[in-house]
Amino acid sequence: MSKPIQPLSDVPGSSQIRVCRVLTQDKGTLDYLDSVGIRPTTRLRLENTTPIGMVSVPS
């Protein structure tokens, strides 16, 4: 059974995640995410989330 899709802002820090989709259509944001290797199917470990929904991942 697969886990439900949820926004990164709802995922606790130190969680292992797989990017399912990127909702923005902003070219600058998409280009940046692609340049750092974040795209659908990418697996990441979240380092931290903030109360306003910002997330960080280890570099």
PDB file of N, CA and C in Angstrom:
ATOM      1  N   MET A   1       0.842  -1.164   0.000  1.00  0.00           N
ATOM      2  CA  MET A   1       0.000   0.000   0.000  1.00  0.00           C
ATOM      3  C   MET A   1       0.897   1.241   0.000  1.00  0.00           C
ATOM      4  N   SER A   2       0.608   2.214  -0.855  1.00  0.00           N
ATOM      5  CA  SER A   2       1.423   3.414  -0.916  1.00  0.00           C
ATOM      6  C   SER A   2       0.953   4.431   0.118  1.00  0.00           C
ATOM      7  N   LYS A   3       1.877   5.282   0.521  1.00  0.00           N
ATOM      8  CA  LYS A   3       1.551   6.331   1.482  1.00  0.00           C
ATOM      9  C   LYS A   3       0.805   7.446   0.768  1.00  0.00           C
ATOM     10  N   PRO A   4      -0.043   8.180   1.481  1.00  0.00           N
ATOM     11  CA  PRO A   4      -0.779   9.271   0.843  1.00  0.00           C
ATOM     12  C   PRO A   4       0.150  10.417   0.454  1.00  0.00           C
ATOM     13  N   ILE A   5      -0.217  11.125  -0.582  1.00  0.00           N
ATOM     14  CA  ILE A   5       0.528  12.314  -0.991  1.00  0.00           C
ATOM     15  C   ILE A   5       0.166  13.444  -0.043  1.00  0.00           C
ATOM     16  N   GLN A   6       1.173  14.153   0.453  1.00  0.00           N
ATOM     17  CA  GLN A   6       0.922  15.285   1.333  1.00  0.00           C
ATOM     18  C   GLN A   6       1.941  16.374   1.051  1.00  0.00           C
ATOM     19  N   PRO A   7       1.590  17.624   1.350  1.00  0.00           N
ATOM     20  CA  PRO A   7       2.532  18.721   1.123  1.00  0.00           C
ATOM     21  C   PRO A   7       3.751  18.589   2.029  1.00  0.00           C
ATOM     22  N   LEU A   8       4.892  19.067   1.551  1.00  0.00           N
ATOM     23  CA  LEU A   8       6.106  19.008   2.365  1.00  0.00           C
ATOM     24  C   LEU A   8       5.930  19.722   3.696  1.00  0.00           C
ATOM     25  N   SER A   9       5.128  20.780   3.709  1.00  0.00           N
ATOM     26  CA  SER A   9       4.926  21.517   4.952  1.00  0.00           C
ATOM     27  C   SER A   9       4.232  20.687   6.027  1.00  0.00           C
ATOM     28  N   ASP A  10       3.600  19.577   5.650  1.00  0.00           N
ATOM     29  CA  ASP A  10       2.935  18.688   6.613  1.00  0.00           C
ATOM     30  C   ASP A  10       3.801  17.506   7.039  1.00  0.00           C
ATOM     31  N   VAL A  11       4.987  17.375   6.455  1.00  0.00           N
ATOM     32  CA  VAL A  11       5.863  16.238   6.749  1.00  0.00           C
ATOM     33  C   VAL A  11       6.827  16.628   7.862  1.00  0.00           C
ATOM     34  N   PRO A  12       6.934  15.815   8.911  1.00  0.00           N
ATOM     35  CA  PRO A  12       7.857  16.163   9.998  1.00  0.00           C
ATOM     36  C   PRO A  12       9.321  16.115   9.548  1.00  0.00           C
ATOM     37  N   GLY A  13      10.156  16.934  10.196  1.00  0.00           N
ATOM     38  CA  GLY A  13      11.588  16.932   9.909  1.00  0.00           C
ATOM     39  C   GLY A  13      12.193  15.548  10.086  1.00  0.00           C
ATOM     40  N   SER A  14      13.293  15.315   9.433  1.00  0.00           N
ATOM     41  CA  SER A  14      14.028  14.045   9.453  1.00  0.00           C
ATOM     42  C   SER A  14      13.263  12.904   8.785  1.00  0.00           C
ATOM     43  N   SER A  15      12.255  13.221   7.970  1.00  0.00           N
ATOM     44  CA  SER A  15      11.502  12.190   7.256  1.00  0.00           C
ATOM     45  C   SER A  15      12.137  11.913   5.893  1.00  0.00           C
ATOM     46  N   GLN A  16      12.051  10.662   5.480  1.00  0.00           N
ATOM     47  CA  GLN A  16      12.444  10.286   4.126  1.00  0.00           C
ATOM     48  C   GLN A  16      11.221  10.486   3.237  1.00  0.00           C
ATOM     49  N   ILE A  17      11.399  11.186   2.116  1.00  0.00           N
ATOM     50  CA  ILE A  17      10.256  11.439   1.241  1.00  0.00           C
ATOM     51  C   ILE A  17      10.635  11.156  -0.217  1.00  0.00           C
ATOM     52  N   ARG A  18       9.625  11.014  -1.049  1.00  0.00           N
ATOM     53  CA  ARG A  18       9.816  10.935  -2.497  1.00  0.00           C
ATOM     54  C   ARG A  18       8.964  12.043  -3.097  1.00  0.00           C
ATOM     55  N   VAL A  19       9.578  12.872  -3.930  1.00  0.00           N
ATOM     56  CA  VAL A  19       8.847  13.955  -4.587  1.00  0.00           C
ATOM     57  C   VAL A  19       7.910  13.331  -5.618  1.00  0.00           C
ATOM     58  N   CYS A  20       6.624  13.608  -5.490  1.00  0.00           N
ATOM     59  CA  CYS A  20       5.631  13.072  -6.428  1.00  0.00           C
ATOM     60  C   CYS A  20       5.297  14.065  -7.519  1.00  0.00           C
ATOM     61  N   ARG A  21       5.217  15.331  -7.135  1.00  0.00           N
ATOM     62  CA  ARG A  21       4.921  16.367  -8.120  1.00  0.00           C
ATOM     63  C   ARG A  21       5.358  17.712  -7.565  1.00  0.00           C
ATOM     64  N   VAL A  22       5.553  18.642  -8.477  1.00  0.00           N
ATOM     65  CA  VAL A  22       5.890  20.021  -8.123  1.00  0.00           C
ATOM     66  C   VAL A  22       4.766  20.873  -8.688  1.00  0.00           C
ATOM     67  N   LEU A  23       4.052  21.571  -7.816  1.00  0.00           N
ATOM     68  CA  LEU A  23       2.852  22.276  -8.250  1.00  0.00           C
ATOM     69  C   LEU A  23       3.121  23.622  -8.915  1.00  0.00           C
ATOM     70  N   THR A  24       4.242  24.244  -8.631  1.00  0.00           N
ATOM     71  CA  THR A  24       4.494  25.555  -9.220  1.00  0.00           C
ATOM     72  C   THR A  24       4.684  25.455 -10.733  1.00  0.00           C
ATOM     73  N   GLN A  25       4.326  26.507 -11.414  1.00  0.00           N
ATOM     74  CA  GLN A  25       4.589  26.600 -12.849  1.00  0.00           C
ATOM     75  C   GLN A  25       5.572  27.722 -13.140  1.00  0.00           C
ATOM     76  N   ASP A  26       6.144  28.298 -12.066  1.00  0.00           N
ATOM     77  CA  ASP A  26       7.108  29.380 -12.217  1.00  0.00           C
ATOM     78  C   ASP A  26       8.415  28.833 -12.781  1.00  0.00           C
ATOM     79  N   LYS A  27       8.801  29.321 -13.960  1.00  0.00           N
ATOM     80  CA  LYS A  27       9.984  28.791 -14.644  1.00  0.00           C
ATOM     81  C   LYS A  27      11.251  28.927 -13.804  1.00  0.00           C
ATOM     82  N   GLY A  28      11.414  30.060 -13.133  1.00  0.00           N
ATOM     83  CA  GLY A  28      12.606  30.254 -12.308  1.00  0.00           C
ATOM     84  C   GLY A  28      12.697  29.238 -11.193  1.00  0.00           C
ATOM     85  N   THR A  29      11.585  28.983 -10.533  1.00  0.00           N
ATOM     86  CA  THR A  29      11.554  27.995  -9.451  1.00  0.00           C
ATOM     87  C   THR A  29      11.806  26.599  -9.992  1.00  0.00           C
ATOM     88  N   LEU A  30      11.153  26.256 -11.097  1.00  0.00           N
ATOM     89  CA  LEU A  30      11.354  24.930 -11.698  1.00  0.00           C
ATOM     90  C   LEU A  30      12.798  24.744 -12.149  1.00  0.00           C
ATOM     91  N   ASP A  31      13.393  25.771 -12.749  1.00  0.00           N
ATOM     92  CA  ASP A  31      14.796  25.681 -13.173  1.00  0.00           C
ATOM     93  C   ASP A  31      15.713  25.483 -11.974  1.00  0.00           C
ATOM     94  N   TYR A  32      15.441  26.205 -10.881  1.00  0.00           N
ATOM     95  CA  TYR A  32      16.262  26.057  -9.680  1.00  0.00           C
ATOM     96  C   TYR A  32      16.142  24.644  -9.110  1.00  0.00           C
ATOM     97  N   LEU A  33      14.911  24.173  -8.938  1.00  0.00           N
ATOM     98  CA  LEU A  33      14.719  22.827  -8.391  1.00  0.00           C
ATOM     99  C   LEU A  33      15.415  21.784  -9.255  1.00  0.00           C
ATOM    100  N   ASP A  34      15.311  21.922 -10.574  1.00  0.00           N
ATOM    101  CA  ASP A  34      15.974  20.990 -11.484  1.00  0.00           C
ATOM    102  C   ASP A  34      17.497  21.073 -11.328  1.00  0.00           C
ATOM    103  N   SER A  35      18.019  22.280 -11.156  1.00  0.00           N
ATOM    104  CA  SER A  35      19.477  22.450 -11.052  1.00  0.00           C
ATOM    105  C   SER A  35      20.049  21.801  -9.796  1.00  0.00           C
ATOM    106  N   VAL A  36      19.229  21.663  -8.751  1.00  0.00           N
ATOM    107  CA  VAL A  36      19.700  21.016  -7.518  1.00  0.00           C
ATOM    108  C   VAL A  36      19.214  19.568  -7.417  1.00  0.00           C
ATOM    109  N   GLY A  37      18.623  19.073  -8.513  1.00  0.00           N
ATOM    110  CA  GLY A  37      18.259  17.656  -8.575  1.00  0.00           C
ATOM    111  C   GLY A  37      16.923  17.304  -7.952  1.00  0.00           C
ATOM    112  N   ILE A  38      16.063  18.302  -7.723  1.00  0.00           N
ATOM    113  CA  ILE A  38      14.747  18.013  -7.140  1.00  0.00           C
ATOM    114  C   ILE A  38      13.712  18.032  -8.247  1.00  0.00           C
ATOM    115  N   ARG A  39      13.168  16.842  -8.518  1.00  0.00           N
ATOM    116  CA  ARG A  39      12.150  16.670  -9.562  1.00  0.00           C
ATOM    117  C   ARG A  39      11.321  15.448  -9.174  1.00  0.00           C
ATOM    118  N   PRO A  40      10.187  15.237  -9.815  1.00  0.00           N
ATOM    119  CA  PRO A  40       9.391  14.046  -9.481  1.00  0.00           C
ATOM    120  C   PRO A  40      10.239  12.773  -9.511  1.00  0.00           C
ATOM    121  N   THR A  41      10.016  11.919  -8.556  1.00  0.00           N
ATOM    122  CA  THR A  41      10.683  10.637  -8.272  1.00  0.00           C
ATOM    123  C   THR A  41      11.949  10.787  -7.429  1.00  0.00           C
ATOM    124  N   THR A  42      12.432  12.020  -7.194  1.00  0.00           N
ATOM    125  CA  THR A  42      13.612  12.226  -6.355  1.00  0.00           C
ATOM    126  C   THR A  42      13.292  11.823  -4.919  1.00  0.00           C
ATOM    127  N   ARG A  43      14.212  11.113  -4.291  1.00  0.00           N
ATOM    128  CA  ARG A  43      14.075  10.754  -2.879  1.00  0.00           C
ATOM    129  C   ARG A  43      14.965  11.689  -2.065  1.00  0.00           C
ATOM    130  N   LEU A  44      14.403  12.210  -0.971  1.00  0.00           N
ATOM    131  CA  LEU A  44      15.099  13.166  -0.117  1.00  0.00           C
ATOM    132  C   LEU A  44      14.871  12.840   1.350  1.00  0.00           C
ATOM    133  N   ARG A  45      15.740  13.374   2.188  1.00  0.00           N
ATOM    134  CA  ARG A  45      15.492  13.371   3.625  1.00  0.00           C
ATOM    135  C   ARG A  45      15.277  14.819   4.029  1.00  0.00           C
ATOM    136  N   LEU A  46      14.114  15.117   4.569  1.00  0.00           N
ATOM    137  CA  LEU A  46      13.843  16.466   5.049  1.00  0.00           C
ATOM    138  C   LEU A  46      14.662  16.696   6.298  1.00  0.00           C
ATOM    139  N   GLU A  47      15.267  17.849   6.384  1.00  0.00           N
ATOM    140  CA  GLU A  47      16.068  18.186   7.553  1.00  0.00           C
ATOM    141  C   GLU A  47      15.220  18.919   8.585  1.00  0.00           C
ATOM    142  N   ASN A  48      14.386  19.826   8.111  1.00  0.00           N
ATOM    143  CA  ASN A  48      13.637  20.666   9.034  1.00  0.00           C
ATOM    144  C   ASN A  48      12.434  21.252   8.320  1.00  0.00           C
ATOM    145  N   THR A  49      11.384  21.533   9.055  1.00  0.00           N
ATOM    146  CA  THR A  49      10.264  22.312   8.538  1.00  0.00           C
ATOM    147  C   THR A  49       9.989  23.433   9.526  1.00  0.00           C
ATOM    148  N   THR A  50       9.523  24.568   9.031  1.00  0.00           N
ATOM    149  CA  THR A  50       9.236  25.707   9.893  1.00  0.00           C
ATOM    150  C   THR A  50       7.731  25.884  10.008  1.00  0.00           C
ATOM    151  N   PRO A  51       7.277  26.649  10.993  1.00  0.00           N
ATOM    152  CA  PRO A  51       5.833  26.865  11.155  1.00  0.00           C
ATOM    153  C   PRO A  51       5.176  27.506   9.938  1.00  0.00           C
ATOM    154  N   ILE A  52       5.935  28.228   9.104  1.00  0.00           N
ATOM    155  CA  ILE A  52       5.319  28.846   7.922  1.00  0.00           C
ATOM    156  C   ILE A  52       5.448  27.970   6.677  1.00  0.00           C
ATOM    157  N   GLY A  53       5.910  26.732   6.856  1.00  0.00           N
ATOM    158  CA  GLY A  53       5.914  25.777   5.749  1.00  0.00           C
ATOM    159  C   GLY A  53       7.186  25.702   4.935  1.00  0.00           C
ATOM    160  N   MET A  54       8.256  26.404   5.351  1.00  0.00           N
ATOM    161  CA  MET A  54       9.520  26.282   4.638  1.00  0.00           C
ATOM    162  C   MET A  54      10.187  24.970   5.050  1.00  0.00           C
ATOM    163  N   VAL A  55      10.868  24.329   4.105  1.00  0.00           N
ATOM    164  CA  VAL A  55      11.549  23.077   4.406  1.00  0.00           C
ATOM    165  C   VAL A  55      13.008  23.192   4.015  1.00  0.00           C
ATOM    166  N   SER A  56      13.854  22.382   4.638  1.00  0.00           N
ATOM    167  CA  SER A  56      15.258  22.310   4.248  1.00  0.00           C
ATOM    168  C   SER A  56      15.642  20.850   4.110  1.00  0.00           C
ATOM    169  N   VAL A  57      16.575  20.627   3.194  1.00  0.00           N
ATOM    170  CA  VAL A  57      17.100  19.283   2.971  1.00  0.00           C
ATOM    171  C   VAL A  57      18.614  19.386   3.060  1.00  0.00           C
ATOM    172  N   PRO A  58      19.280  18.325   3.509  1.00  0.00           N
ATOM    173  CA  PRO A  58      20.750  18.367   3.558  1.00  0.00           C
ATOM    174  C   PRO A  58      21.311  18.558   2.159  1.00  0.00           C
ATOM    175  N   SER A  59      22.373  19.320   2.062  1.00  0.00           N
ATOM    176  CA  SER A  59      22.994  19.522   0.740  1.00  0.00           C
ATOM    177  C   SER A  59      24.074  18.517   0.482  1.00  0.00           C
TER     178      SER A  59
END
